[in-house]
């Protein structure tokens, strides 16, 4: 597999240049095209009297504001990529997560910026990464909050022998082959033998030109994600690769889980597949 098209998601209310520059750098390293994408939808306006026309005007005013902002973002996007003809733009009026999932059909990889800290997002104007993981049918690369290029020199694979993890390893191959250090991490919970299936992963990667080593993490107190993120910090990982939502998303949100924890780990780039 090779990266031929990267789609970068822009938030309508956020700065665009950092994530566009990072995605454009990634696309050029792989000889890929870049699609800039942004979508937003108006808020529902409830009638407060008998004037239905006022509601219609309020909705159209929001649509016009969104369209104007999309035009500005398009101009900013093409400025950031220097007007290169390998870059294209898509702006949509509609739910950002749904529209992005639909447009994912055009790309090999979706790049998202790190969500703003401490802000409850408006899902009419910002993508929900958790929902997108489950609906896009494409890998998501959620960038860290560090400015600069998306480095992939040291990659940590969170391995647990599930369908989602197997999908993530395949989806990450274009990035894995350019890495200098690839570590396959498995949390040992005392029940399932890990050595045999990790050996298969190393063999699979080796046949694709990726030399990997393995780390067996002992599960102690706390969530397995804590051990994984500590290892990522210890090896100075640039990117964490994992399968998203092996359990239901509701369960992960309620009781904690690997995907939920890694999505909050803003110090690392994260490639997540489902």
Protein backbone atom coordinates (compact mmCIF):
# COMPACT_ATOMS: atom_id res chain seq x y z
CA UNK A 1 0.00 0.00 0.00
CA UNK A 2 1.16 3.54 -0.73
CA UNK A 3 -0.25 6.92 0.16
CA UNK A 4 -1.64 8.50 -3.00
CA UNK A 5 -4.13 10.97 -1.49
CA UNK A 6 -4.16 12.63 1.93
CA UNK A 7 -7.25 14.52 3.12
CA UNK A 8 -6.70 17.19 5.76
CA UNK A 9 -9.64 18.31 7.87
CA UNK A 10 -9.81 22.00 8.74
CA UNK A 11 -11.96 23.28 11.58
CA UNK A 12 -14.00 26.29 10.52
CA UNK A 13 -13.16 28.23 13.70
CA UNK A 14 -9.50 27.23 14.04
CA UNK A 15 -6.19 28.37 12.59
CA UNK A 16 -5.47 26.48 9.37
CA UNK A 17 -1.84 26.98 8.45
CA UNK A 18 -0.20 24.65 11.03
CA UNK A 19 -2.24 21.56 10.14
CA UNK A 20 -2.21 22.30 6.40
CA UNK A 21 1.56 22.72 6.44
CA UNK A 22 2.00 19.47 8.37
CA UNK A 23 -0.33 17.51 6.07
CA UNK A 24 1.24 19.02 2.95
CA UNK A 25 4.70 18.04 4.15
CA UNK A 26 3.47 14.48 4.78
CA UNK A 27 1.81 14.30 1.36
CA UNK A 28 4.92 15.54 -0.45
CA UNK A 29 7.14 13.03 1.36
CA UNK A 30 4.97 10.28 -0.09
CA UNK A 31 4.35 11.83 -3.49
CA UNK A 32 0.65 12.12 -2.66
CA UNK A 33 -2.07 14.59 -3.56
CA UNK A 34 -3.64 16.68 -0.79
CA UNK A 35 -7.31 17.49 -0.36
CA UNK A 36 -8.26 20.33 1.97
CA UNK A 37 -11.67 19.81 3.55
CA UNK A 38 -13.97 21.78 5.81
CA UNK A 39 -17.68 21.53 6.64
CA UNK A 40 -20.08 23.18 9.03
CA UNK A 41 -23.83 23.45 9.40
CA UNK A 42 -26.11 26.15 10.83
CA UNK A 43 -27.68 25.92 14.25
CA UNK A 44 -31.36 25.13 14.39
CA UNK A 45 -33.33 28.32 14.98
CA UNK A 46 -36.58 27.87 16.89
CA UNK A 47 -39.50 30.17 16.13
CA UNK A 48 -40.34 32.65 18.88
CA UNK A 49 -43.55 33.97 17.38
CA UNK A 50 -45.69 33.72 14.29
CA UNK A 51 -43.10 35.12 11.87
CA UNK A 52 -41.81 32.03 10.03
CA UNK A 53 -39.85 34.31 7.72
CA UNK A 54 -37.62 35.41 10.60
CA UNK A 55 -36.54 31.82 11.17
CA UNK A 56 -35.75 31.35 7.49
CA UNK A 57 -33.74 34.57 7.40
CA UNK A 58 -31.77 33.57 10.49
CA UNK A 59 -30.91 30.18 8.97
CA UNK A 60 -29.86 31.68 5.63
CA UNK A 61 -27.74 34.25 7.42
CA UNK A 62 -25.83 31.43 9.12
CA UNK A 63 -25.41 29.61 5.81
CA UNK A 64 -24.03 32.77 4.19
CA UNK A 65 -21.58 33.23 7.07
CA UNK A 66 -20.40 29.60 6.70
CA UNK A 67 -20.00 29.98 2.94
CA UNK A 68 -17.97 33.16 3.40
CA UNK A 69 -15.71 31.44 5.94
CA UNK A 70 -15.26 28.44 3.62
CA UNK A 71 -14.16 30.82 0.87
CA UNK A 72 -11.60 32.35 3.23
CA UNK A 73 -10.33 28.92 4.27
CA UNK A 74 -10.02 27.84 0.65
CA UNK A 75 -7.84 30.86 -0.08
CA UNK A 76 -5.74 30.20 3.04
CA UNK A 77 -5.35 26.55 2.06
CA UNK A 78 -4.06 27.29 -1.44
CA UNK A 79 -1.73 29.95 -0.08
CA UNK A 80 -0.30 27.42 2.39
CA UNK A 81 0.41 24.88 -0.39
CA UNK A 82 1.76 27.51 -2.77
CA UNK A 83 -1.02 26.95 -5.30
CA UNK A 84 0.39 23.53 -6.19
CA UNK A 85 -1.79 21.62 -8.65
CA UNK A 86 -1.53 18.46 -6.54
CA UNK A 87 -3.72 20.17 -3.94
CA UNK A 88 -7.50 20.52 -4.20
CA UNK A 89 -10.31 21.85 -2.01
CA UNK A 90 -13.72 20.65 -0.81
CA UNK A 91 -16.01 22.82 1.30
CA UNK A 92 -19.43 21.58 2.40
CA UNK A 93 -22.51 22.86 4.18
CA UNK A 94 -23.49 20.02 6.49
CA UNK A 95 -22.53 18.08 9.60
CA UNK A 96 -18.70 18.05 9.70
CA UNK A 97 -18.31 14.45 10.86
CA UNK A 98 -20.86 13.04 8.42
CA UNK A 99 -19.56 15.06 5.46
CA UNK A 100 -15.96 14.15 6.21
CA UNK A 101 -16.85 10.45 6.48
CA UNK A 102 -18.52 10.64 3.06
CA UNK A 103 -15.58 12.45 1.46
CA UNK A 104 -13.13 9.96 2.97
CA UNK A 105 -13.85 7.76 -0.05
CA UNK A 106 -11.45 9.99 -2.02
CA UNK A 107 -8.43 9.53 0.25
CA UNK A 108 -6.04 6.95 1.70
CA UNK A 109 -5.54 8.83 4.96
CA UNK A 110 -7.38 11.53 6.91
CA UNK A 111 -5.33 14.03 8.91
CA UNK A 112 -6.96 15.90 11.80
CA UNK A 113 -5.53 18.61 13.99
CA UNK A 114 -5.48 18.24 17.76
CA UNK A 115 -8.75 19.51 19.29
CA UNK A 116 -8.59 22.71 21.31
CA UNK A 117 -7.94 22.19 25.00
CA UNK A 118 -10.69 22.61 27.56
CA UNK A 119 -13.40 23.56 25.09
CA UNK A 120 -16.65 21.66 24.69
CA UNK A 121 -16.80 21.36 20.89
CA UNK A 122 -19.78 22.40 18.83
CA UNK A 123 -20.37 19.33 16.67
CA UNK A 124 -22.05 21.48 14.02
CA UNK A 125 -18.69 23.16 13.46
CA UNK A 126 -16.12 20.59 14.62
CA UNK A 127 -15.52 16.93 13.82
CA UNK A 128 -16.11 14.22 16.43
CA UNK A 129 -13.00 11.99 16.09
CA UNK A 130 -14.61 9.09 17.95
CA UNK A 131 -17.55 8.93 15.56
CA UNK A 132 -15.29 9.44 12.56
CA UNK A 133 -13.14 6.46 13.53
CA UNK A 134 -16.24 4.27 13.34
CA UNK A 135 -17.71 5.70 10.13
CA UNK A 136 -14.93 6.86 7.80
CA UNK A 137 -13.60 3.49 6.65
CA UNK A 138 -10.17 5.12 6.44
CA UNK A 139 -7.33 5.53 8.93
CA UNK A 140 -7.22 8.75 10.91
CA UNK A 141 -3.98 10.47 11.76
CA UNK A 142 -4.74 12.78 14.68
CA UNK A 143 -1.82 15.19 14.90
CA UNK A 144 -0.18 16.16 18.16
CA UNK A 145 -0.45 19.69 19.46
CA UNK A 146 3.24 20.29 18.71
CA UNK A 147 3.85 22.62 15.75
CA UNK A 148 5.89 21.39 12.83
CA UNK A 149 6.03 18.40 10.44
CA UNK A 150 4.43 15.05 11.26
CA UNK A 151 7.51 13.01 12.13
CA UNK A 152 7.37 9.21 11.85
CA UNK A 153 10.90 8.21 12.81
CA UNK A 154 9.90 6.27 15.95
CA UNK A 155 6.56 4.45 15.85
CA UNK A 156 4.86 2.51 18.62
CA UNK A 157 2.27 -0.09 17.64
CA UNK A 158 -0.33 -0.91 20.30
CA UNK A 159 -0.96 -4.57 19.56
CA UNK A 160 -3.74 -6.71 21.00
CA UNK A 161 -4.49 -9.18 18.17
CA UNK A 162 -7.89 -7.78 17.24
CA UNK A 163 -9.40 -7.01 13.87
CA UNK A 164 -8.95 -3.30 14.52
CA UNK A 165 -5.25 -3.67 15.40
CA UNK A 166 -4.58 -5.80 12.31
CA UNK A 167 -6.29 -3.15 10.17
CA UNK A 168 -4.22 -0.40 11.78
CA UNK A 169 -0.91 -2.16 11.07
CA UNK A 170 -1.77 -2.51 7.38
CA UNK A 171 -3.03 1.07 7.14
CA UNK A 172 0.17 2.36 8.77
CA UNK A 173 2.54 0.52 6.40
CA UNK A 174 3.41 3.58 4.29
CA UNK A 175 4.57 5.30 7.47
CA UNK A 176 6.15 2.25 9.06
CA UNK A 177 8.47 1.62 6.11
CA UNK A 178 10.05 5.07 6.55
CA UNK A 179 10.52 4.74 10.32
CA UNK A 180 13.91 4.15 11.94
CA UNK A 181 12.52 2.41 15.03
CA UNK A 182 9.27 0.41 15.21
CA UNK A 183 8.16 -1.07 18.54
CA UNK A 184 5.27 -3.53 18.90
CA UNK A 185 3.87 -3.24 22.41
CA UNK A 186 1.58 -5.80 23.99
CA UNK A 187 0.14 -5.60 27.49
CA UNK A 188 0.42 -8.96 29.25
CA UNK A 189 -2.70 -9.54 31.33
CA UNK A 190 -1.80 -13.02 32.56
CA UNK A 191 -4.41 -14.74 30.41
CA UNK A 192 -3.55 -14.60 26.71
CA UNK A 193 -0.12 -15.61 25.38
CA UNK A 194 1.33 -12.72 23.42
CA UNK A 195 4.66 -13.97 22.07
CA UNK A 196 3.29 -16.06 19.21
CA UNK A 197 1.00 -13.45 17.66
CA UNK A 198 3.58 -10.67 18.09
CA UNK A 199 6.11 -12.86 16.28
CA UNK A 200 3.66 -13.12 13.39
CA UNK A 201 3.33 -9.33 13.28
CA UNK A 202 7.11 -8.91 13.21
CA UNK A 203 7.34 -11.47 10.40
CA UNK A 204 4.57 -9.74 8.46
CA UNK A 205 6.23 -6.36 8.82
CA UNK A 206 9.64 -7.77 7.90
CA UNK A 207 8.25 -9.03 4.63
CA UNK A 208 7.22 -5.45 3.90
CA UNK A 209 10.67 -4.09 4.70
CA UNK A 210 9.91 -2.98 8.27
CA UNK A 211 12.28 -4.14 10.98
CA UNK A 212 10.41 -4.13 14.29
CA UNK A 213 11.14 -5.07 17.87
CA UNK A 214 8.69 -6.01 20.60
CA UNK A 215 7.98 -4.94 24.16
CA UNK A 216 5.83 -6.93 26.59
CA UNK A 217 4.24 -4.63 29.15
CA UNK A 218 3.15 -6.01 32.48
CA UNK A 219 -0.32 -4.95 33.49
CA UNK A 220 -0.20 -3.56 36.99
CA UNK A 221 -2.50 -1.11 38.69
CA UNK A 222 -4.38 1.21 36.38
CA UNK A 223 -5.40 0.94 32.76
CA UNK A 224 -3.22 -0.76 30.10
CA UNK A 225 -3.19 2.58 28.30
CA UNK A 226 -1.08 4.03 31.10
CA UNK A 227 1.69 1.49 30.48
CA UNK A 228 1.47 2.06 26.74
CA UNK A 229 1.72 5.84 27.01
CA UNK A 230 4.61 5.56 29.44
CA UNK A 231 6.48 3.39 26.95
CA UNK A 232 5.69 5.88 24.19
CA UNK A 233 7.22 8.60 26.33
CA UNK A 234 10.27 6.46 27.21
CA UNK A 235 11.14 5.74 23.57
CA UNK A 236 10.26 9.29 22.47
CA UNK A 237 7.69 7.98 20.01
CA UNK A 238 6.53 10.26 17.23
CA UNK A 239 3.47 8.20 16.35
CA UNK A 240 1.24 5.65 18.09
CA UNK A 241 -0.58 3.16 15.84
CA UNK A 242 -3.63 1.40 17.23
CA UNK A 243 -6.96 -0.13 16.38
CA UNK A 244 -9.86 2.04 17.44
CA UNK A 245 -12.71 0.93 19.69
CA UNK A 246 -12.27 -2.80 20.10
CA UNK A 247 -14.95 -2.35 22.75
CA UNK A 248 -18.03 -0.21 22.22
CA UNK A 249 -17.46 3.51 22.25
CA UNK A 250 -19.99 3.93 25.05
CA UNK A 251 -18.11 1.45 27.22
CA UNK A 252 -14.80 3.22 26.60
CA UNK A 253 -16.25 6.60 27.44
CA UNK A 254 -17.86 5.28 30.62
CA UNK A 255 -15.16 2.99 31.97
CA UNK A 256 -12.05 4.19 30.16
CA UNK A 257 -10.25 2.45 27.34
CA UNK A 258 -7.23 2.44 25.08
CA UNK A 259 -8.72 4.49 22.23
CA UNK A 260 -10.21 7.12 24.52
CA UNK A 261 -6.95 7.50 26.44
CA UNK A 262 -4.71 7.67 23.37
CA UNK A 263 -6.97 10.26 21.74
CA UNK A 264 -6.31 12.45 24.78
CA UNK A 265 -2.52 11.92 24.54
CA UNK A 266 -1.79 15.16 22.74
CA UNK A 267 2.01 14.81 22.88
CA UNK A 268 1.98 12.14 20.15
CA UNK A 269 0.67 11.79 16.64
CA UNK A 270 -1.89 8.96 16.58
CA UNK A 271 -2.92 6.76 13.66
CA UNK A 272 -6.19 4.98 14.44
CA UNK A 273 -8.13 2.47 12.32
CA UNK A 274 -11.31 0.54 12.83
